[in-house]
Amino acid sequence: MMITPVHRSRDIERKPEYLQPDKCVPPPSRSSLGTMWFIRDGCGIACAVVTWMLVFYADFVVLLVMLVPSRDYVYSVINGTLFNTLAFLALASHFRAMLTDPGAVPKGNATKEFIESLQLKPGQVVYKCPKCCSIKPDRAHHCSVCKRCIRKMDHHCPWVNNCVGENNQKYFVLFTMYIALISLHALIMVGFHFLYCFEEDWTKCSSFSPPTTVILLILLCFEALLFLIFTSVMFGTQVHSICTDETGIERLKNQKPTWEKISGWEGMKVAFGGAFSLGWFSPFSNLDCKKPPSPEAAAAAAPASAIMTQEEIEQFLAQDVAVQVLHE
């Protein structure tokens, strides 16, 4: 058996310190894998806090400026309940998208022991990320903010302080959808409230002074319009990526698919965790997707003749290129 280098420019950083096998830190123990996922990025944390503050501001204006002073009790109850339900689902989706592991590849698993356990098949290509010292699965990309390789990484979103990958794309889609809905709802209510105030006395249509009311409504209108456009575009982009089984990075790089595409409705089922149901719209339902085979399963399926020798493993660990396993 021999190994052939397959050069690839993706995520290659030619620094010698990243290419030494003794620099690879072994992956964490199973006991530490249950810890909460959270990215300690100052910009991302600030953006996430601003997102929550903007939703709370919109809720403040909708309730205290428009609905509470309204004389129509039924109108206030229906719109207040609807807006707050959508806002709660939006924040819950944001919370799940932010704190869910997007599909991080175990860090530091580019070790001799892990390579040996894979027992690679003839013709199989293996990639090593020189930045996080991991064996990189197909369609995985390294995120410089998360400092991890992420499976099916679409992009890193500072508004959720996390990457959007195969494990949290559903929650990101729900977040953009619910933000777009509450933005549209707020715009409609602002329009009706302005008409109501023009017809009635401005001092009676709000518990605040007329200048304060106008300023608060204009700010809400600007915020709702901006986020309606932004989140609608993001929602459409994400749904298109799911239906075409092509991430944003793959589309940007014009990468030719080397995987079996799961497009259309089947792709939606995979991304949202099963057949269509109300669980698709819930940020509290977990995904029930097929997980990739474990290294043990791959080793059991591989023939013994495909195992790399110690010399070949050390050669692979000392370079920054992909390696293809071939028969002699």
Protein backbone atom coordinates (compact mmCIF):
# COMPACT_ATOMS: atom_id res chain seq x y z
CA MET A 1 0.00 0.00 0.00
CA MET A 2 1.17 3.57 -0.67
CA ILE A 3 -0.10 7.04 0.07
CA THR A 4 -0.42 9.83 -2.45
CA PRO A 5 -0.59 13.53 -1.50
CA VAL A 6 -3.65 15.33 -2.82
CA HIS A 7 -2.93 19.05 -2.65
CA ARG A 8 -5.77 21.32 -1.70
CA SER A 9 -5.74 25.02 -0.80
CA ARG A 10 -8.67 24.90 1.64
CA ASP A 11 -7.73 25.96 5.16
CA ILE A 12 -4.03 25.46 4.59
CA GLU A 13 -1.76 27.52 6.82
CA ARG A 14 1.89 26.75 6.13
CA LYS A 15 3.32 27.20 9.60
CA PRO A 16 5.66 24.46 10.81
CA GLU A 17 4.38 24.55 14.37
CA TYR A 18 0.94 23.42 13.21
CA LEU A 19 2.31 20.47 11.29
CA GLN A 20 4.18 18.59 14.00
CA PRO A 21 2.29 15.56 15.37
CA ASP A 22 3.66 16.11 18.86
CA LYS A 23 1.94 19.51 18.91
CA CYS A 24 -1.48 17.90 18.54
CA VAL A 25 -3.39 17.87 21.78
CA PRO A 26 -5.45 14.67 22.22
CA PRO A 27 -9.22 15.15 21.99
CA PRO A 28 -11.10 15.77 25.26
CA SER A 29 -12.35 12.86 27.32
CA ARG A 30 -15.93 11.71 27.04
CA SER A 31 -16.73 13.20 30.44
CA SER A 32 -16.02 16.72 29.15
CA LEU A 33 -18.11 16.43 25.99
CA GLY A 34 -21.34 17.30 27.77
CA THR A 35 -20.27 20.85 28.60
CA MET A 36 -22.29 23.74 27.18
CA TRP A 37 -21.16 25.15 23.85
CA PHE A 38 -20.45 28.88 24.03
CA ILE A 39 -18.08 31.02 21.94
CA ARG A 40 -16.14 33.59 23.96
CA ASP A 41 -15.97 36.27 21.29
CA GLY A 42 -16.39 39.89 22.38
CA CYS A 43 -17.95 41.05 19.13
CA GLY A 44 -20.34 38.11 18.97
CA ILE A 45 -21.43 38.52 22.60
CA ALA A 46 -22.06 42.23 22.02
CA CYS A 47 -24.12 41.50 18.88
CA ALA A 48 -26.15 38.85 20.73
CA VAL A 49 -26.88 41.27 23.59
CA VAL A 50 -27.89 44.00 21.12
CA THR A 51 -30.25 41.52 19.41
CA TRP A 52 -32.06 40.79 22.67
CA MET A 53 -32.21 44.50 23.57
CA LEU A 54 -33.77 45.38 20.20
CA VAL A 55 -36.44 42.70 20.66
CA PHE A 56 -37.18 43.99 24.18
CA TYR A 57 -37.40 47.56 22.84
CA ALA A 58 -39.88 46.48 20.17
CA ASP A 59 -41.94 44.68 22.82
CA PHE A 60 -41.87 47.78 25.03
CA VAL A 61 -43.17 50.06 22.25
CA VAL A 62 -45.80 47.57 21.08
CA LEU A 63 -47.21 47.01 24.56
CA LEU A 64 -46.88 50.36 26.35
CA VAL A 65 -47.16 52.78 23.44
CA MET A 66 -49.68 51.08 21.16
CA LEU A 67 -51.66 48.29 22.83
CA VAL A 68 -52.15 49.25 26.48
CA PRO A 69 -53.60 52.73 25.70
CA SER A 70 -55.90 51.26 23.04
CA ARG A 71 -59.63 51.33 23.76
CA ASP A 72 -60.20 48.12 21.83
CA TYR A 73 -59.55 45.42 24.42
CA VAL A 74 -59.90 42.49 21.98
CA TYR A 75 -57.49 44.11 19.51
CA SER A 76 -54.91 44.64 22.28
CA VAL A 77 -55.18 41.10 23.66
CA ILE A 78 -54.97 39.37 20.27
CA ASN A 79 -52.06 41.42 18.95
CA GLY A 80 -50.24 41.45 22.28
CA THR A 81 -50.48 37.67 22.59
CA LEU A 82 -49.42 37.09 18.98
CA PHE A 83 -46.47 39.48 19.11
CA ASN A 84 -45.14 38.20 22.42
CA THR A 85 -45.50 34.57 21.33
CA LEU A 86 -43.49 35.23 18.16
CA ALA A 87 -40.92 37.26 20.12
CA PHE A 88 -40.53 34.44 22.66
CA LEU A 89 -40.02 31.88 19.88
CA ALA A 90 -37.50 34.20 18.19
CA LEU A 91 -35.44 34.59 21.36
CA ALA A 92 -35.68 30.87 22.14
CA SER A 93 -34.46 30.08 18.61
CA HIS A 94 -31.62 32.58 19.04
CA PHE A 95 -30.70 30.94 22.35
CA ARG A 96 -30.61 27.47 20.81
CA ALA A 97 -28.65 28.65 17.75
CA MET A 98 -26.10 30.32 20.01
CA LEU A 99 -25.62 27.50 22.53
CA THR A 100 -25.87 24.47 20.24
CA ASP A 101 -22.70 22.82 18.97
CA PRO A 102 -22.92 23.52 15.21
CA GLY A 103 -21.04 20.33 14.38
CA ALA A 104 -17.51 20.84 15.65
CA VAL A 105 -14.95 18.22 14.71
CA PRO A 106 -13.09 16.85 17.78
CA LYS A 107 -10.04 19.03 18.27
CA GLY A 108 -6.61 17.43 18.18
CA ASN A 109 -7.69 14.01 16.88
CA ALA A 110 -4.97 13.95 14.19
CA THR A 111 -2.99 11.45 16.24
CA LYS A 112 -1.42 8.12 15.36
CA GLU A 113 -3.91 6.25 17.52
CA PHE A 114 -6.94 7.85 15.83
CA ILE A 115 -5.54 7.29 12.32
CA GLU A 116 -4.89 3.64 13.14
CA SER A 117 -8.42 3.21 14.49
CA LEU A 118 -9.89 4.47 11.21
CA GLN A 119 -8.29 1.66 9.16
CA LEU A 120 -8.71 3.63 5.96
CA LYS A 121 -10.15 1.99 2.87
CA PRO A 122 -8.33 2.01 -0.49
CA GLY A 123 -9.06 5.22 -2.39
CA GLN A 124 -10.26 7.10 0.70
CA VAL A 125 -8.98 10.66 1.03
CA VAL A 126 -8.18 12.03 4.48
CA TYR A 127 -7.62 15.71 5.28
CA LYS A 128 -5.84 17.18 8.26
CA CYS A 129 -6.55 20.72 9.42
CA PRO A 130 -3.23 22.30 10.39
CA LYS A 131 -4.98 24.95 12.49
CA CYS A 132 -6.86 22.78 15.00
CA CYS A 133 -4.90 19.56 14.34
CA SER A 134 -8.01 17.56 13.44
CA ILE A 135 -8.92 14.98 10.83
CA LYS A 136 -11.32 17.02 8.75
CA PRO A 137 -14.45 15.29 7.37
CA ASP A 138 -15.71 16.11 3.91
CA ARG A 139 -17.56 19.45 3.71
CA ALA A 140 -16.05 20.66 6.99
CA HIS A 141 -14.41 24.09 7.15
CA HIS A 142 -12.27 25.79 9.77
CA CYS A 143 -13.77 28.82 11.52
CA SER A 144 -11.21 31.36 12.70
CA VAL A 145 -13.62 32.70 15.35
CA CYS A 146 -14.74 29.38 16.83
CA LYS A 147 -11.21 28.00 16.26
CA ARG A 148 -12.72 24.67 15.25
CA CYS A 149 -13.54 22.78 12.08
CA ILE A 150 -17.33 22.78 11.61
CA ARG A 151 -19.22 20.14 9.63
CA LYS A 152 -21.32 21.63 6.80
CA MET A 153 -20.37 25.13 7.93
CA ASP A 154 -22.50 27.73 6.16
CA HIS A 155 -21.06 30.87 7.76
CA HIS A 156 -20.18 32.40 11.11
CA CYS A 157 -22.94 34.73 12.28
CA PRO A 158 -21.97 37.33 14.91
CA TRP A 159 -25.66 37.98 15.69
CA VAL A 160 -25.96 34.50 17.18
CA ASN A 161 -22.29 34.40 18.25
CA ASN A 162 -21.84 31.02 16.60
CA CYS A 163 -21.25 29.21 13.36
CA VAL A 164 -24.22 27.97 11.40
CA GLY A 165 -23.60 24.28 10.75
CA GLU A 166 -25.40 20.98 10.40
CA ASN A 167 -26.50 20.80 14.07
CA ASN A 168 -27.94 24.31 14.54
CA GLN A 169 -29.06 25.41 11.08
CA LYS A 170 -32.67 24.67 11.97
CA TYR A 171 -32.56 27.05 14.95
CA PHE A 172 -30.93 29.77 12.84
CA VAL A 173 -33.64 29.41 10.17
CA LEU A 174 -36.34 29.64 12.86
CA PHE A 175 -34.65 32.69 14.37
CA THR A 176 -34.63 34.57 11.06
CA MET A 177 -38.21 33.52 10.33
CA TYR A 178 -39.63 34.65 13.68
CA ILE A 179 -37.68 37.93 13.62
CA ALA A 180 -39.06 38.62 10.13
CA LEU A 181 -42.60 37.85 11.35
CA ILE A 182 -42.46 40.11 14.42
CA SER A 183 -40.90 42.87 12.29
CA LEU A 184 -43.76 42.63 9.78
CA HIS A 185 -46.30 42.51 12.62
CA ALA A 186 -44.75 45.58 14.26
CA LEU A 187 -44.80 47.53 10.98
CA ILE A 188 -48.49 46.76 10.46
CA MET A 189 -49.37 47.82 14.01
CA VAL A 190 -47.33 51.04 13.70
CA GLY A 191 -49.22 51.89 10.51
CA PHE A 192 -52.61 51.31 12.15
CA HIS A 193 -51.53 53.26 15.24
CA PHE A 194 -50.47 56.28 13.20
CA LEU A 195 -53.86 56.28 11.42
CA TYR A 196 -55.63 55.98 14.76
CA CYS A 197 -53.66 58.88 16.26
CA PHE A 198 -54.27 61.09 13.23
CA GLU A 199 -58.01 60.55 13.54
CA GLU A 200 -58.11 60.95 17.31
CA ASP A 201 -56.40 63.27 19.75
CA TRP A 202 -52.67 62.45 20.05
CA THR A 203 -52.88 62.87 23.83
CA LYS A 204 -55.42 60.05 24.03
CA CYS A 205 -53.75 57.49 21.75
CA SER A 206 -50.70 56.99 23.96
CA SER A 207 -49.68 57.22 27.60
CA PHE A 208 -46.61 59.21 26.52
CA SER A 209 -46.44 62.77 25.23
CA PRO A 210 -47.04 63.21 21.47
CA PRO A 211 -43.37 64.02 20.63
CA THR A 212 -42.14 61.01 22.61
CA THR A 213 -44.75 58.77 21.00
CA VAL A 214 -43.75 59.87 17.50
CA ILE A 215 -40.04 59.31 18.18
CA LEU A 216 -40.64 55.86 19.68
CA LEU A 217 -42.85 54.80 16.76
CA ILE A 218 -40.42 56.09 14.13
CA LEU A 219 -37.51 54.24 15.77
CA LEU A 220 -39.55 51.05 15.92
CA CYS A 221 -40.61 51.48 12.29
CA PHE A 222 -36.98 51.92 11.20
CA GLU A 223 -35.83 48.91 13.27
CA ALA A 224 -38.66 46.68 12.03
CA LEU A 225 -38.12 47.62 8.38
CA LEU A 226 -34.36 47.04 8.58
CA PHE A 227 -34.65 43.66 10.27
CA LEU A 228 -37.54 42.57 8.06
CA ILE A 229 -35.39 43.02 4.97
CA PHE A 230 -32.25 41.51 6.53
CA THR A 231 -33.85 38.44 8.11
CA SER A 232 -36.09 37.75 5.10
CA VAL A 233 -33.02 37.62 2.86
CA MET A 234 -31.18 35.40 5.35
CA PHE A 235 -34.20 33.10 5.70
CA GLY A 236 -34.51 32.72 1.93
CA THR A 237 -30.77 32.10 1.58
CA GLN A 238 -30.78 29.40 4.26
CA VAL A 239 -33.81 27.60 2.83
CA HIS A 240 -32.20 27.71 -0.62
CA SER A 241 -28.98 26.25 0.81
CA ILE A 242 -30.91 23.43 2.47
CA CYS A 243 -32.97 22.64 -0.64
CA THR A 244 -29.89 22.61 -2.90
CA ASP A 245 -27.67 20.87 -0.29
CA GLU A 246 -24.98 23.49 -0.78
CA THR A 247 -23.60 25.66 2.02
CA GLY A 248 -22.75 29.33 1.66
CA ILE A 249 -19.02 28.60 1.67
CA GLU A 250 -19.37 25.89 -0.99
CA ARG A 251 -21.43 28.24 -3.16
CA LEU A 252 -18.93 31.09 -2.65
CA LYS A 253 -16.00 28.86 -3.63
CA ASN A 254 -17.99 27.37 -6.53
CA GLN A 255 -17.05 24.00 -5.13
CA LYS A 256 -18.01 21.00 -7.22
CA PRO A 257 -20.06 18.50 -5.18
CA THR A 258 -18.21 15.31 -4.29
CA TRP A 259 -21.02 14.12 -2.05
CA GLU A 260 -24.42 12.59 -2.73
CA LYS A 261 -26.81 15.52 -2.68
CA ILE A 262 -29.98 15.42 -0.59
CA SER A 263 -32.02 18.16 -2.21
CA GLY A 264 -35.49 19.60 -1.99
CA TRP A 265 -37.97 18.27 0.54
CA GLU A 266 -35.62 15.50 1.68
CA GLY A 267 -33.02 18.10 2.52
CA MET A 268 -35.56 19.98 4.63
CA LYS A 269 -36.37 16.75 6.49
CA VAL A 270 -32.70 16.21 7.31
CA ALA A 271 -32.14 19.82 8.42
CA PHE A 272 -35.29 19.98 10.56
CA GLY A 273 -35.04 16.51 12.05
CA GLY A 274 -37.62 14.27 10.41
CA ALA A 275 -40.93 14.34 8.59
CA PHE A 276 -42.95 17.55 8.50
CA SER A 277 -44.66 18.30 11.80
CA LEU A 278 -45.22 21.13 14.26
CA GLY A 279 -41.81 20.26 15.67
CA TRP A 280 -40.27 21.95 12.64
CA PHE A 281 -41.44 25.31 14.04
CA SER A 282 -40.36 24.64 17.62
CA PRO A 283 -36.91 25.69 18.86
CA PHE A 284 -37.36 23.22 21.73
CA SER A 285 -37.48 20.07 19.57
CA ASN A 286 -34.17 18.33 19.04
CA LEU A 287 -32.86 17.09 15.71
CA ASP A 288 -33.26 13.42 14.90
CA CYS A 289 -30.88 13.17 11.97
CA LYS A 290 -28.71 10.27 11.00
CA LYS A 291 -25.32 10.61 12.60
CA PRO A 292 -22.13 9.83 10.69
CA PRO A 293 -20.66 6.39 11.34
CA SER A 294 -18.27 6.16 14.25
CA PRO A 295 -14.57 5.43 13.75
CA GLU A 296 -15.16 1.98 15.21
CA ALA A 297 -17.83 1.22 12.60
CA ALA A 298 -15.59 2.48 9.81
CA ALA A 299 -12.75 0.35 11.11
CA ALA A 300 -14.96 -2.73 11.17
CA ALA A 301 -15.99 -2.17 7.56
CA ALA A 302 -12.44 -1.58 6.29
CA PRO A 303 -10.27 -4.48 5.12
CA ALA A 304 -7.12 -5.19 7.05
CA SER A 305 -4.99 -4.57 3.95
CA ALA A 306 -6.04 -0.92 3.95
CA ILE A 307 -4.35 -0.07 7.24
CA MET A 308 -1.55 2.49 6.91
CA THR A 309 1.83 1.59 8.31
CA GLN A 310 3.46 3.53 11.14
CA GLU A 311 5.82 5.19 8.65
CA GLU A 312 2.92 6.31 6.44
CA ILE A 313 0.98 7.66 9.41
CA GLU A 314 3.98 9.70 10.58
CA GLN A 315 4.44 11.00 7.04
CA PHE A 316 0.81 12.09 6.94
CA LEU A 317 0.94 13.79 10.32
CA ALA A 318 4.01 15.76 9.29
CA GLN A 319 2.43 17.37 6.22
CA ASP A 320 -0.37 19.81 5.45
CA VAL A 321 -1.87 18.09 2.42
CA ALA A 322 -4.59 15.54 1.92
CA VAL A 323 -3.56 11.91 1.66
CA GLN A 324 -5.21 9.27 -0.49
CA VAL A 325 -4.82 5.62 0.46
CA LEU A 326 -4.00 3.33 -2.49
CA HIS A 327 -3.01 -0.29 -3.03
CA GLU A 328 0.52 -0.98 -4.19
